[in-house]
Amino acid sequence: MTQAALPEFQHAVQLVGPGELKLNNSKPIHKPGPHQMLAKVEAVGLCFSDLKLLGQFSEHARKGPVITGLANEILDSIPSYAPGDKPTVPGHEVVLRIIEIGDKVKDHKVGERVLVQADWRNLKTAKSNGAFGYNFEGALQEYVLLDERVVIDPEGERYLLPVAEHLGASQAALVEPWACVEDSYVTRERQTILPGGRLLVVADEGHVVEGIEGGFSKDGKSASVSVIYKNSDQLEAANKLGIQVSEVASITDLADESFDDIIYFGADKKTLEVLNDKLAPYAIMNVVKGGKNIGELVSVGVGRVHYAMTRWVGTPGNNAADGYKCIPATGELRDGDSILVIGAGGPMGQMHVIRNICSGRKEITLVGTDFDDPRLKSIGDKARPFADANKVAVRMVNPSKNPLEETFSYFAIMAPVGAVVAQSILDSKPGAIINIFAGIPIPVKHDLELDVYIDRGLFMFGTSGSTIEDMKILLGKVTSGQLNTNSSVDAISGMAGAIDGIRAVENRTMAGKIIVYPMLPDVPLIPLEDLGKHFPSVAAKLENGQWCREAEEELIRVGTVAKAG
């Protein structure tokens, strides 16, 4: 398509204020500047994360202005940059076709088909980073403007990943949410005290300080250690570490979020709850109980485990190094795992179920739970062929009707509720991994049985978003046919049904994903089960009731004919 062939205006869904969505049928199409590219949106998936932006709008951490990474004069020259109170276009699960480029664009070309890694981590906001579909306009529009200076990171890595032509648009668009699932299994965990980091050692009366040296990385020790102690032997042990030691009189003298590692030799509830707030992002809390029990529930920042990547480990004994040994290299499944996916019937839960069944791990079993029977039936039907092919024992359970009495070695939690984390600890086998995938709000704390957690050697972790590498891994699986992202599609729409689709995500009325085709302005939101009522020829192309490229191509054909008519 040439520049002259482009229309002047387009259809777009715009977020104009908290909770305020509007369908704009005359949004201008911006022509690309020297460093910019114009891309046509082939398909976009709707995401629960869009609702967080919908509710918070300018208060969302990724809607704030970019403060580092690009000069203001560059940002101000990008028409699709929409920080703060400016209206934006949501939608970040997308596949695009580049149709025009400016004369200074070097690393992209006209005709390229790409998907977007939406999390632009080198562009920092006050509380997060820049992101496609947040402070930069996203994909719920027919055409989107991108700037090459934004979509290439400082190391030269592209945030726009080339997509094979044989993949359907929905298959490609859904790589992004599936990559977030992948990220939660493959992200590497720190298993030692952070080299060059800030270490806090707190020791209660009667506890021996030992084993810290065994927790150091081969890449180096902490840069400093602050010590709160009760007797001289504890201080002497810290002085033998060979790093700078600062004596601190009281925990209350310490700033919040100021330490990368906290090693607590003790078992006092109140001390643990104060130390919780001293963990910096990505920090590790190591509780060395020294043969004692806490004896009561401890309020732990479970929201920060997901969003701030804080980690809790411990040992019932005296050796601090044993706490770090509880940390797995990644959050990946292990051979023989008994897996519980909590909230399996929702869009992301379905992805976890199918991803885990297709993981290639030996002798695993999987139970999916949900309180919604139709959702359970939906994921059960989708999972069955994959389970049969991979010889994985799978069952779906509504725990309100059939309470679970077994224990599990791996938990994938889709419900953003602290009580679910607490129950997972009680239902765990020794050495279990608890994947807090759902975005529990960052301020949320919940009472946990830390004695059980520590004595069983459990590990809970969380991740947020995905990386370029995650998307490459997932795209490789989809391209090779190992994984079919279309298995999570439950409904399709054009622009006429896009806002209804967002509301369906908000109200959880769809079990799976909703795919929007922006080039079809008049197509409403249509669940796949109702497709035959609207487009019989499209329904006839479904593959065993599932969305596929053939159905997609027929939808675009008949939808385009209807548009032209």
Protein backbone atom coordinates (compact mmCIF):
# COMPACT_ATOMS: atom_id res chain seq x y z
CA MET A 1 0.00 0.00 0.00
CA THR A 2 1.35 3.42 -0.92
CA GLN A 3 1.04 6.52 1.17
CA ALA A 4 -1.43 8.04 -1.29
CA ALA A 5 -3.76 5.04 -0.88
CA LEU A 6 -4.17 5.52 2.84
CA PRO A 7 -7.40 6.99 4.17
CA GLU A 8 -7.21 10.16 6.23
CA PHE A 9 -9.07 8.73 9.22
CA GLN A 10 -9.51 5.38 10.93
CA HIS A 11 -11.57 3.50 13.52
CA ALA A 12 -9.98 3.32 16.98
CA VAL A 13 -10.88 2.50 20.56
CA GLN A 14 -9.59 5.27 22.80
CA LEU A 15 -9.27 5.43 26.56
CA VAL A 16 -9.99 9.05 27.45
CA GLY A 17 -10.26 8.85 31.24
CA PRO A 18 -10.66 6.41 34.13
CA GLY A 19 -13.23 3.85 32.97
CA GLU A 20 -14.02 5.92 29.86
CA LEU A 21 -13.71 4.11 26.53
CA LYS A 22 -15.00 5.47 23.25
CA LEU A 23 -15.05 4.19 19.68
CA ASN A 24 -13.63 6.98 17.53
CA ASN A 25 -14.56 6.49 13.89
CA SER A 26 -12.53 9.46 12.69
CA LYS A 27 -9.17 9.24 14.44
CA PRO A 28 -6.47 10.77 12.22
CA ILE A 29 -3.87 8.47 10.67
CA HIS A 30 -0.48 10.04 11.32
CA LYS A 31 2.05 9.99 8.50
CA PRO A 32 5.46 8.70 9.58
CA GLY A 33 8.24 11.17 10.26
CA PRO A 34 11.89 10.53 9.34
CA HIS A 35 12.46 7.97 12.15
CA GLN A 36 8.94 6.58 12.18
CA MET A 37 6.95 3.71 10.73
CA LEU A 38 3.28 3.23 9.99
CA ALA A 39 1.95 -0.28 10.47
CA LYS A 40 -1.39 -1.88 9.70
CA VAL A 41 -2.87 -3.88 12.57
CA GLU A 42 -3.76 -7.42 11.49
CA ALA A 43 -5.14 -8.66 14.83
CA VAL A 44 -5.06 -7.76 18.50
CA GLY A 45 -5.94 -9.77 21.60
CA LEU A 46 -7.74 -8.29 24.59
CA CYS A 47 -5.98 -8.65 27.92
CA PHE A 48 -6.95 -8.40 31.57
CA SER A 49 -4.04 -5.98 31.97
CA ASP A 50 -5.97 -3.53 29.77
CA LEU A 51 -8.49 -3.29 32.61
CA LYS A 52 -5.84 -2.09 35.04
CA LEU A 53 -5.11 0.77 32.65
CA LEU A 54 -8.85 1.33 32.20
CA GLY A 55 -9.35 1.71 35.93
CA GLN A 56 -6.23 3.69 36.80
CA PHE A 57 -5.68 5.68 33.58
CA SER A 58 -3.08 8.39 34.29
CA GLU A 59 -2.29 6.82 37.68
CA HIS A 60 -1.11 3.59 36.08
CA ALA A 61 2.66 3.18 36.47
CA ARG A 62 3.10 2.67 32.71
CA LYS A 63 0.95 5.65 31.71
CA GLY A 64 3.32 8.16 33.29
CA PRO A 65 5.74 10.26 31.23
CA VAL A 66 9.08 8.77 30.23
CA ILE A 67 11.78 10.38 32.38
CA THR A 68 14.90 8.56 31.13
CA GLY A 69 15.87 6.71 27.97
CA LEU A 70 14.89 9.28 25.32
CA ALA A 71 15.17 13.04 25.16
CA ASN A 72 11.99 15.05 25.59
CA GLU A 73 12.33 16.62 22.16
CA ILE A 74 12.28 13.14 20.59
CA LEU A 75 9.29 12.05 22.66
CA ASP A 76 7.42 15.25 21.81
CA SER A 77 7.91 14.53 18.10
CA ILE A 78 6.06 11.20 18.32
CA PRO A 79 2.28 11.69 17.77
CA SER A 80 1.52 8.28 19.31
CA TYR A 81 3.25 9.15 22.61
CA ALA A 82 0.37 9.62 25.06
CA PRO A 83 1.53 9.97 28.67
CA GLY A 84 -0.45 11.19 31.66
CA ASP A 85 -3.95 12.46 30.95
CA LYS A 86 -3.65 12.24 27.15
CA PRO A 87 -6.10 9.83 25.50
CA THR A 88 -4.44 6.57 24.51
CA VAL A 89 -5.28 3.47 22.51
CA PRO A 90 -5.05 0.22 24.50
CA GLY A 91 -4.10 -3.17 23.08
CA HIS A 92 -0.65 -4.74 23.23
CA GLU A 93 -1.19 -8.35 22.06
CA VAL A 94 -0.72 -7.66 18.37
CA VAL A 95 0.68 -8.57 14.98
CA LEU A 96 1.42 -5.72 12.55
CA ARG A 97 2.42 -5.19 8.93
CA ILE A 98 4.79 -2.27 8.29
CA ILE A 99 3.44 -0.34 5.33
CA GLU A 100 5.41 2.94 5.35
CA ILE A 101 8.73 4.08 6.79
CA GLY A 102 10.57 7.39 7.14
CA ASP A 103 13.80 8.03 5.26
CA LYS A 104 15.96 7.62 8.40
CA VAL A 105 14.54 4.22 9.43
CA LYS A 106 17.45 1.75 9.23
CA ASP A 107 16.48 -1.57 10.78
CA HIS A 108 12.93 -2.12 9.56
CA LYS A 109 11.44 -2.35 6.08
CA VAL A 110 8.14 -2.03 4.29
CA GLY A 111 6.27 -5.33 4.14
CA GLU A 112 7.72 -6.74 7.35
CA ARG A 113 5.26 -8.63 9.49
CA VAL A 114 6.04 -8.24 13.19
CA LEU A 115 4.74 -8.74 16.68
CA VAL A 116 5.45 -6.28 19.46
CA GLN A 117 7.34 -6.86 22.69
CA ALA A 118 5.24 -4.30 24.51
CA ASP A 119 7.35 -3.73 27.63
CA TRP A 120 9.94 -1.06 26.76
CA ARG A 121 12.08 -1.36 29.86
CA ASN A 122 14.83 1.05 28.85
CA LEU A 123 12.30 3.92 28.84
CA LYS A 124 11.72 4.58 32.52
CA THR A 125 8.69 6.25 34.06
CA ALA A 126 8.61 7.31 37.71
CA LYS A 127 7.27 3.92 38.82
CA SER A 128 7.75 1.57 35.87
CA ASN A 129 8.63 1.91 32.20
CA GLY A 130 7.23 2.83 28.83
CA ALA A 131 4.90 0.37 27.17
CA PHE A 132 2.98 -0.14 23.95
CA GLY A 133 -0.72 0.27 24.64
CA TYR A 134 -0.10 2.45 27.69
CA ASN A 135 1.93 5.68 27.41
CA PHE A 136 2.45 4.85 23.74
CA GLU A 137 -0.66 4.15 21.69
CA GLY A 138 -1.47 0.50 21.18
CA ALA A 139 -3.23 -1.65 18.64
CA LEU A 140 -7.01 -1.22 19.00
CA GLN A 141 -6.97 0.85 15.82
CA GLU A 142 -6.50 0.13 12.15
CA TYR A 143 -3.05 1.71 11.87
CA VAL A 144 -0.42 2.46 14.49
CA LEU A 145 2.57 4.79 14.35
CA LEU A 146 5.88 3.57 15.78
CA ASP A 147 9.23 5.31 16.19
CA GLU A 148 12.37 3.31 15.53
CA ARG A 149 14.21 5.12 18.33
CA VAL A 150 11.62 3.68 20.73
CA VAL A 151 11.39 0.11 19.44
CA ILE A 152 15.12 -0.66 19.49
CA ASP A 153 16.77 -1.00 22.89
CA PRO A 154 20.21 0.46 23.71
CA GLU A 155 21.91 -2.86 22.89
CA GLY A 156 20.36 -2.86 19.42
CA GLU A 157 17.70 -5.51 20.17
CA ARG A 158 14.45 -4.97 18.29
CA TYR A 159 11.15 -4.88 20.16
CA LEU A 160 9.47 -5.79 16.86
CA LEU A 161 9.98 -9.49 16.16
CA PRO A 162 9.63 -10.83 12.59
CA VAL A 163 6.74 -13.26 12.13
CA ALA A 164 6.57 -16.08 9.57
CA GLU A 165 3.98 -15.60 6.84
CA HIS A 166 2.41 -19.04 7.36
CA LEU A 167 1.15 -18.14 10.85
CA GLY A 168 -2.38 -16.84 11.24
CA ALA A 169 -2.75 -13.32 12.61
CA SER A 170 -4.40 -14.52 15.82
CA GLN A 171 -1.68 -17.14 16.34
CA ALA A 172 0.97 -14.45 16.12
CA ALA A 173 -0.89 -11.84 18.19
CA LEU A 174 -1.32 -14.32 21.04
CA VAL A 175 2.41 -14.96 21.29
CA GLU A 176 2.60 -11.95 23.65
CA PRO A 177 0.27 -13.23 26.40
CA TRP A 178 1.56 -16.76 26.01
CA ALA A 179 5.10 -15.35 26.36
CA CYS A 180 4.09 -13.86 29.73
CA VAL A 181 3.14 -17.38 30.77
CA GLU A 182 6.43 -18.70 29.41
CA ASP A 183 8.32 -16.01 31.32
CA SER A 184 6.93 -17.29 34.61
CA TYR A 185 8.56 -20.67 33.99
CA VAL A 186 11.89 -19.75 32.38
CA THR A 187 12.98 -16.55 34.18
CA ARG A 188 16.18 -17.29 36.07
CA GLU A 189 16.13 -16.92 39.84
CA ARG A 190 19.00 -15.55 41.91
CA GLN A 191 20.27 -18.39 44.14
CA THR A 192 22.92 -16.50 46.12
CA ILE A 193 23.45 -13.27 48.02
CA LEU A 194 23.60 -10.45 45.46
CA PRO A 195 27.21 -9.61 44.51
CA GLY A 196 27.85 -5.95 45.25
CA GLY A 197 24.48 -5.64 46.96
CA ARG A 198 23.27 -4.39 50.33
CA LEU A 199 23.05 -7.11 52.99
CA LEU A 200 21.22 -6.83 56.31
CA VAL A 201 21.88 -9.37 59.07
CA VAL A 202 19.53 -9.39 62.05
CA ALA A 203 20.15 -11.79 64.94
CA ASP A 204 17.90 -12.40 67.94
CA GLU A 205 19.09 -13.42 71.39
CA GLY A 206 20.30 -17.03 71.50
CA HIS A 207 20.74 -17.45 67.72
CA VAL A 208 24.07 -18.37 66.18
CA VAL A 209 25.14 -16.42 63.09
CA GLU A 210 26.64 -18.90 60.66
CA GLY A 211 26.59 -19.99 57.03
CA ILE A 212 26.51 -16.53 55.45
CA GLU A 213 29.74 -17.21 53.54
CA GLY A 214 28.11 -20.20 51.91
CA GLY A 215 25.43 -17.94 50.48
CA PHE A 216 27.88 -15.69 48.63
CA SER A 217 28.14 -15.92 44.84
CA LYS A 218 31.32 -16.96 43.07
CA ASP A 219 31.02 -13.56 41.37
CA GLY A 220 31.59 -11.71 44.64
CA LYS A 221 30.30 -10.74 48.06
CA SER A 222 27.93 -8.01 49.14
CA ALA A 223 29.30 -4.48 49.00
CA SER A 224 28.26 -3.85 52.61
CA VAL A 225 26.52 -5.47 55.55
CA SER A 226 24.40 -3.79 58.21
CA VAL A 227 24.09 -5.73 61.45
CA ILE A 228 21.54 -5.69 64.24
CA TYR A 229 22.76 -8.00 67.00
CA LYS A 230 22.24 -8.99 70.63
CA ASN A 231 25.69 -10.20 71.64
CA SER A 232 29.33 -9.82 70.60
CA ASP A 233 29.60 -13.30 69.05
CA GLN A 234 26.98 -12.36 66.47
CA LEU A 235 28.82 -9.15 65.58
CA GLU A 236 32.12 -11.01 65.41
CA ALA A 237 30.66 -13.46 62.90
CA ALA A 238 29.61 -10.55 60.69
CA ASN A 239 33.05 -8.94 60.97
CA LYS A 240 34.63 -12.14 59.66
CA LEU A 241 32.80 -11.82 56.33
CA GLY A 242 35.52 -9.55 54.96
CA ILE A 243 33.19 -6.73 53.91
CA GLN A 244 32.30 -3.34 55.35
CA VAL A 245 30.14 -3.71 58.49
CA SER A 246 27.77 -1.09 59.89
CA GLU A 247 26.18 -1.58 63.29
CA VAL A 248 22.52 -0.57 63.52
CA ALA A 249 20.71 -0.06 66.82
CA SER A 250 17.18 -0.87 65.66
CA ILE A 251 15.23 -2.06 62.62
CA THR A 252 13.14 1.10 62.82
CA ASP A 253 16.29 3.09 62.00
CA LEU A 254 16.41 1.50 58.53
CA ALA A 255 14.78 2.91 55.41
CA ASP A 256 12.11 0.84 53.67
CA GLU A 257 13.09 -1.06 50.51
CA SER A 258 16.78 -0.57 51.25
CA PHE A 259 18.31 -4.08 51.21
CA ASP A 260 18.93 -6.67 48.48
CA ASP A 261 19.30 -9.52 50.98
CA ILE A 262 18.04 -9.83 54.53
CA ILE A 263 19.19 -12.76 56.64
CA TYR A 264 17.22 -13.01 59.85
CA PHE A 265 18.50 -15.37 62.54
CA GLY A 266 15.35 -15.63 64.59
CA ALA A 267 11.69 -16.59 64.68
CA ASP A 268 9.74 -13.55 65.84
CA LYS A 269 6.55 -12.54 64.04
CA LYS A 270 6.82 -8.82 64.71
CA THR A 271 10.43 -8.66 63.56
CA LEU A 272 9.60 -10.48 60.33
CA GLU A 273 6.73 -8.13 59.57
CA VAL A 274 8.94 -5.07 59.97
CA LEU A 275 11.72 -6.64 57.90
CA ASN A 276 9.21 -7.34 55.12
CA ASP A 277 9.14 -3.62 54.35
CA LYS A 278 12.92 -3.35 54.17
CA LEU A 279 13.14 -5.60 51.09
CA ALA A 280 14.15 -3.75 47.93
CA PRO A 281 12.76 -4.87 44.55
CA TYR A 282 14.26 -8.28 43.62
CA ALA A 283 15.43 -8.78 47.21
CA ILE A 284 15.56 -12.09 49.10
CA MET A 285 14.41 -12.64 52.69
CA ASN A 286 16.19 -15.63 54.27
CA VAL A 287 14.72 -16.71 57.62
CA VAL A 288 17.10 -18.88 59.68
CA LYS A 289 14.93 -20.21 62.49
CA GLY A 290 17.69 -21.95 64.45
CA GLY A 291 15.49 -24.79 65.68
CA LYS A 292 12.71 -22.49 66.91
CA ASN A 293 9.20 -21.93 65.58
CA ILE A 294 7.47 -18.65 64.84
CA GLY A 295 4.29 -20.21 66.19
CA GLU A 296 1.84 -17.80 64.53
CA LEU A 297 0.87 -16.42 61.16
CA VAL A 298 3.11 -13.74 59.61
CA SER A 299 1.85 -10.91 57.37
CA VAL A 300 3.90 -11.13 54.15
CA GLY A 301 3.86 -8.79 51.14
CA VAL A 302 2.51 -11.26 48.59
CA GLY A 303 1.79 -8.44 46.13
CA ARG A 304 5.46 -7.52 46.06
CA VAL A 305 6.39 -11.14 45.31
CA HIS A 306 4.64 -10.70 41.96
CA TYR A 307 5.35 -7.07 41.04
CA ALA A 308 8.61 -6.34 42.90
CA MET A 309 10.02 -9.86 42.46
CA THR A 310 10.82 -10.20 46.18
CA ARG A 311 11.54 -13.74 47.38
CA TRP A 312 11.17 -15.56 50.72
CA VAL A 313 13.26 -18.59 51.71
CA GLY A 314 14.46 -20.09 54.95
CA THR A 315 15.73 -23.03 56.94
CA PRO A 316 14.60 -24.60 60.21
CA GLY A 317 18.28 -25.00 61.16
CA ASN A 318 21.19 -22.64 61.85
CA ASN A 319 23.01 -22.46 58.49
CA ALA A 320 22.00 -19.45 56.38
CA ALA A 321 23.32 -21.06 53.19
CA ASP A 322 20.62 -23.74 53.44
CA GLY A 323 17.93 -21.11 52.85
CA TYR A 324 19.40 -20.17 49.48
CA LYS A 325 19.51 -23.85 48.50
CA CYS A 326 15.69 -23.82 48.40
CA ILE A 327 15.75 -21.50 45.38
CA PRO A 328 15.33 -23.30 42.02
CA ALA A 329 17.26 -22.10 38.98
CA THR A 330 13.95 -21.18 37.31
CA GLY A 331 10.26 -21.61 37.94
CA GLU A 332 10.12 -24.46 35.43
CA LEU A 333 8.22 -27.69 35.98
CA ARG A 334 10.15 -30.76 37.06
CA ASP A 335 9.70 -34.37 36.02
CA GLY A 336 7.12 -36.00 38.25
CA ASP A 337 5.46 -32.75 39.35
CA SER A 338 1.86 -32.85 40.53
CA ILE A 339 0.53 -29.52 39.26
CA LEU A 340 -2.43 -27.49 40.46
CA VAL A 341 -3.57 -24.62 38.22
CA ILE A 342 -5.88 -22.43 40.31
CA GLY A 343 -8.25 -20.46 38.08
CA ALA A 344 -7.66 -22.80 35.15
CA GLY A 345 -10.84 -21.77 33.33
CA GLY A 346 -9.86 -18.15 32.64
CA PRO A 347 -7.85 -16.99 29.61
CA MET A 348 -4.44 -17.09 31.30
CA GLY A 349 -5.29 -20.25 33.25
CA GLN A 350 -6.07 -22.01 29.99
CA MET A 351 -2.66 -21.03 28.68
CA HIS A 352 -0.92 -22.40 31.77
CA VAL A 353 -2.82 -25.68 31.50
CA ILE A 354 -1.98 -26.25 27.85
CA ARG A 355 1.60 -24.98 28.18
CA ASN A 356 2.28 -27.36 31.05
CA ILE A 357 0.69 -30.35 29.35
CA CYS A 358 2.93 -29.65 26.33
CA SER A 359 6.07 -28.98 28.42
CA GLY A 360 7.68 -32.32 27.67
CA ARG A 361 8.17 -33.12 31.37
CA LYS A 362 7.88 -36.79 32.26
CA GLU A 363 5.30 -38.35 34.55
CA ILE A 364 3.53 -35.14 35.47
CA THR A 365 -0.11 -34.84 36.52
CA LEU A 366 -2.29 -31.75 36.35
CA VAL A 367 -5.44 -30.62 38.15
CA GLY A 368 -7.20 -27.44 37.06
CA THR A 369 -9.70 -25.72 39.34
CA ASP A 370 -12.36 -23.08 38.78
CA PHE A 371 -15.69 -22.20 40.37
CA ASP A 372 -17.34 -21.77 36.95
CA ASP A 373 -18.49 -25.10 35.46
CA PRO A 374 -18.80 -23.86 31.84
CA ARG A 375 -15.25 -22.53 32.04
CA LEU A 376 -14.03 -25.85 33.39
CA LYS A 377 -15.77 -27.68 30.56
CA SER A 378 -14.19 -25.30 28.04
CA ILE A 379 -10.62 -25.88 29.22
CA GLY A 380 -11.29 -29.58 29.73
CA ASP A 381 -12.38 -29.93 26.11
CA LYS A 382 -9.40 -27.90 24.88
CA ALA A 383 -6.88 -29.74 27.05
CA ARG A 384 -8.00 -33.29 26.30
CA PRO A 385 -6.30 -33.71 22.88
CA PHE A 386 -3.04 -32.25 24.21
CA ALA A 387 -3.20 -34.45 27.32
CA ASP A 388 -3.80 -37.59 25.26
CA ALA A 389 -0.95 -36.73 22.88
CA ASN A 390 1.49 -36.06 25.73
CA LYS A 391 0.24 -38.85 28.05
CA VAL A 392 -0.49 -36.43 30.90
CA ALA A 393 -3.18 -37.29 33.45
CA VAL A 394 -5.46 -34.24 33.63
CA ARG A 395 -8.68 -33.52 35.47
CA MET A 396 -10.77 -30.41 36.06
CA VAL A 397 -12.41 -29.78 39.44
CA ASN A 398 -14.87 -27.29 40.87
CA PRO A 399 -13.62 -27.14 44.49
CA SER A 400 -16.89 -25.66 45.73
CA LYS A 401 -18.53 -28.96 44.82
CA ASN A 402 -15.60 -31.37 45.18
CA PRO A 403 -13.03 -30.06 47.67
CA LEU A 404 -9.48 -31.20 46.99
CA GLU A 405 -7.81 -33.26 49.68
CA GLU A 406 -4.50 -34.04 47.96
CA THR A 407 -1.20 -32.17 48.02
CA PHE A 408 0.77 -30.77 45.11
CA SER A 409 4.38 -30.03 44.19
CA TYR A 410 3.67 -27.13 41.81
CA PHE A 411 1.03 -24.38 42.04
CA ALA A 412 0.15 -21.92 39.26
CA ILE A 413 -2.10 -19.25 40.76
CA MET A 414 -4.36 -17.20 38.47
CA ALA A 415 -6.46 -15.66 41.26
CA PRO A 416 -5.09 -12.33 42.57
CA VAL A 417 -5.99 -13.23 46.15
CA GLY A 418 -3.59 -13.59 49.08
CA ALA A 419 -5.72 -16.30 50.70
CA VAL A 420 -5.04 -18.57 47.72
CA VAL A 421 -1.30 -18.26 48.32
CA ALA A 422 -1.83 -19.06 52.01
CA GLN A 423 -3.85 -22.18 51.18
CA SER A 424 -1.27 -23.34 48.64
CA ILE A 425 1.34 -23.43 51.39
CA LEU A 426 -0.87 -25.72 53.45
CA ASP A 427 -1.62 -27.95 50.44
CA SER A 428 2.02 -28.32 49.39
CA LYS A 429 4.39 -31.24 49.22
CA PRO A 430 7.96 -30.69 50.51
CA GLY A 431 9.98 -28.66 48.00
CA ALA A 432 6.90 -27.33 46.20
CA ILE A 433 7.05 -24.29 43.93
CA ILE A 434 4.29 -21.67 44.14
CA ASN A 435 3.98 -19.56 40.97
CA ILE A 436 2.04 -16.39 41.86
CA PHE A 437 1.14 -15.51 38.29
CA ALA A 438 -1.88 -13.34 39.06
CA GLY A 439 -1.13 -9.69 39.69
CA ILE A 440 -1.96 -9.34 43.38
CA PRO A 441 -1.87 -5.56 43.97
CA ILE A 442 1.55 -4.51 45.17
CA PRO A 443 0.47 -3.15 48.60
CA VAL A 444 -1.33 -6.39 49.53
CA LYS A 445 -0.04 -8.42 52.48
CA HIS A 446 -1.48 -11.67 53.75
CA ASP A 447 -1.03 -13.88 56.81
CA LEU A 448 1.02 -16.96 55.90
CA GLU A 449 2.12 -20.09 57.77
CA LEU A 450 5.83 -19.32 57.48
CA ASP A 451 6.74 -22.22 59.75
CA VAL A 452 5.17 -24.63 57.24
CA TYR A 453 6.67 -22.71 54.33
CA ILE A 454 10.18 -22.88 55.74
CA ASP A 455 10.06 -26.38 57.20
CA ARG A 456 8.86 -27.84 53.88
CA GLY A 457 11.47 -25.93 51.87
CA LEU A 458 8.89 -24.17 49.69
CA PHE A 459 9.56 -21.41 47.17
CA MET A 460 7.03 -18.82 46.02
CA PHE A 461 7.80 -16.42 43.21
CA GLY A 462 6.12 -14.09 40.77
CA THR A 463 6.84 -12.46 37.43
CA SER A 464 5.30 -9.57 35.53
CA GLY A 465 5.30 -9.32 31.74
CA SER A 466 7.74 -10.93 29.36
CA THR A 467 11.09 -10.28 27.74
CA ILE A 468 12.19 -10.31 24.12
CA GLU A 469 13.81 -13.67 24.75
CA ASP A 470 10.56 -15.12 26.14
CA MET A 471 8.75 -14.03 23.00
CA LYS A 472 11.41 -15.58 20.80
CA ILE A 473 11.08 -18.87 22.68
CA LEU A 474 7.31 -18.85 22.39
CA LEU A 475 7.32 -17.73 18.76
CA GLY A 476 9.66 -20.62 17.99
CA LYS A 477 7.24 -23.08 19.59
CA VAL A 478 4.32 -21.67 17.61
CA THR A 479 6.22 -21.51 14.33
CA SER A 480 7.36 -25.13 14.68
CA GLY A 481 3.88 -26.32 15.59
CA GLN A 482 4.81 -27.43 19.12
CA LEU A 483 2.21 -25.06 20.56
CA ASN A 484 -0.99 -23.65 19.05
CA THR A 485 -1.90 -20.32 20.61
CA ASN A 486 -5.28 -20.42 18.84
CA SER A 487 -6.34 -23.03 21.38
CA SER A 488 -7.10 -20.17 23.79
CA VAL A 489 -9.43 -18.22 21.45
CA ASP A 490 -13.10 -18.11 22.51
CA ALA A 491 -14.46 -15.14 20.56
CA ILE A 492 -13.70 -12.79 17.66
CA SER A 493 -14.68 -9.23 16.88
CA GLY A 494 -14.23 -6.28 14.62
CA MET A 495 -14.08 -2.71 15.89
CA ALA A 496 -17.85 -2.59 16.45
CA GLY A 497 -17.52 -5.18 19.20
CA ALA A 498 -14.14 -4.20 20.64
CA ILE A 499 -15.51 -2.26 23.62
CA ASP A 500 -18.01 -5.05 24.29
CA GLY A 501 -15.00 -7.39 24.25
CA ILE A 502 -13.21 -5.31 26.86
CA ARG A 503 -16.32 -5.38 29.04
CA ALA A 504 -16.53 -9.15 28.57
CA VAL A 505 -12.97 -9.45 29.87
CA GLU A 506 -13.90 -7.16 32.76
CA ASN A 507 -16.96 -9.22 33.64
CA ARG A 508 -15.25 -12.55 32.97
CA THR A 509 -18.03 -13.69 30.66
CA MET A 510 -15.58 -15.33 28.24
CA ALA A 511 -13.45 -18.30 29.26
CA GLY A 512 -10.73 -17.76 26.67
CA LYS A 513 -9.18 -14.98 24.62
CA ILE A 514 -10.97 -12.45 22.42
CA ILE A 515 -9.33 -11.50 19.11
CA VAL A 516 -10.17 -8.19 17.44
CA TYR A 517 -9.65 -7.56 13.71
CA PRO A 518 -9.50 -3.74 13.40
CA MET A 519 -9.79 -3.75 9.61
CA LEU A 520 -13.37 -5.05 10.02
CA PRO A 521 -15.26 -2.06 11.44
CA ASP A 522 -18.75 -3.55 11.51
CA VAL A 523 -18.22 -7.03 12.99
CA PRO A 524 -19.66 -7.33 16.52
CA LEU A 525 -18.32 -9.45 19.37
CA ILE A 526 -19.08 -13.09 18.46
CA PRO A 527 -18.32 -16.12 20.66
CA LEU A 528 -17.08 -19.01 18.52
CA GLU A 529 -20.10 -21.09 19.53
CA ASP A 530 -22.36 -18.44 17.93
CA LEU A 531 -20.26 -17.94 14.81
CA GLY A 532 -22.63 -19.92 12.59
CA LYS A 533 -25.47 -17.48 13.30
CA HIS A 534 -23.43 -14.59 11.91
CA PHE A 535 -21.01 -16.08 9.41
CA PRO A 536 -21.87 -19.70 8.47
CA SER A 537 -19.01 -19.97 6.01
CA VAL A 538 -16.54 -18.93 8.72
CA ALA A 539 -17.98 -21.40 11.23
CA ALA A 540 -17.60 -24.15 8.64
CA LYS A 541 -13.84 -23.51 8.56
CA LEU A 542 -13.30 -24.02 12.32
CA GLU A 543 -10.94 -26.85 13.19
CA ASN A 544 -12.77 -29.15 15.61
CA GLY A 545 -14.55 -26.09 16.92
CA GLN A 546 -11.31 -24.12 17.40
CA TRP A 547 -10.20 -20.92 15.72
CA CYS A 548 -7.68 -21.42 12.92
CA ARG A 549 -6.06 -19.60 10.03
CA GLU A 550 -8.60 -20.90 7.51
CA ALA A 551 -11.50 -19.51 9.56
CA GLU A 552 -9.63 -16.25 10.02
CA GLU A 553 -9.05 -15.85 6.29
CA GLU A 554 -12.73 -16.52 5.58
CA LEU A 555 -13.78 -13.98 8.23
CA ILE A 556 -11.58 -11.32 6.65
CA ARG A 557 -12.94 -12.18 3.20
CA VAL A 558 -16.62 -12.00 4.13
CA GLY A 559 -16.09 -9.10 6.52
CA THR A 560 -14.30 -7.12 3.85
CA VAL A 561 -17.04 -7.85 1.32
CA ALA A 562 -19.65 -6.66 3.84
CA LYS A 563 -17.59 -3.52 4.50
CA ALA A 564 -17.30 -2.77 0.79
CA GLY A 565 -21.03 -3.34 0.33
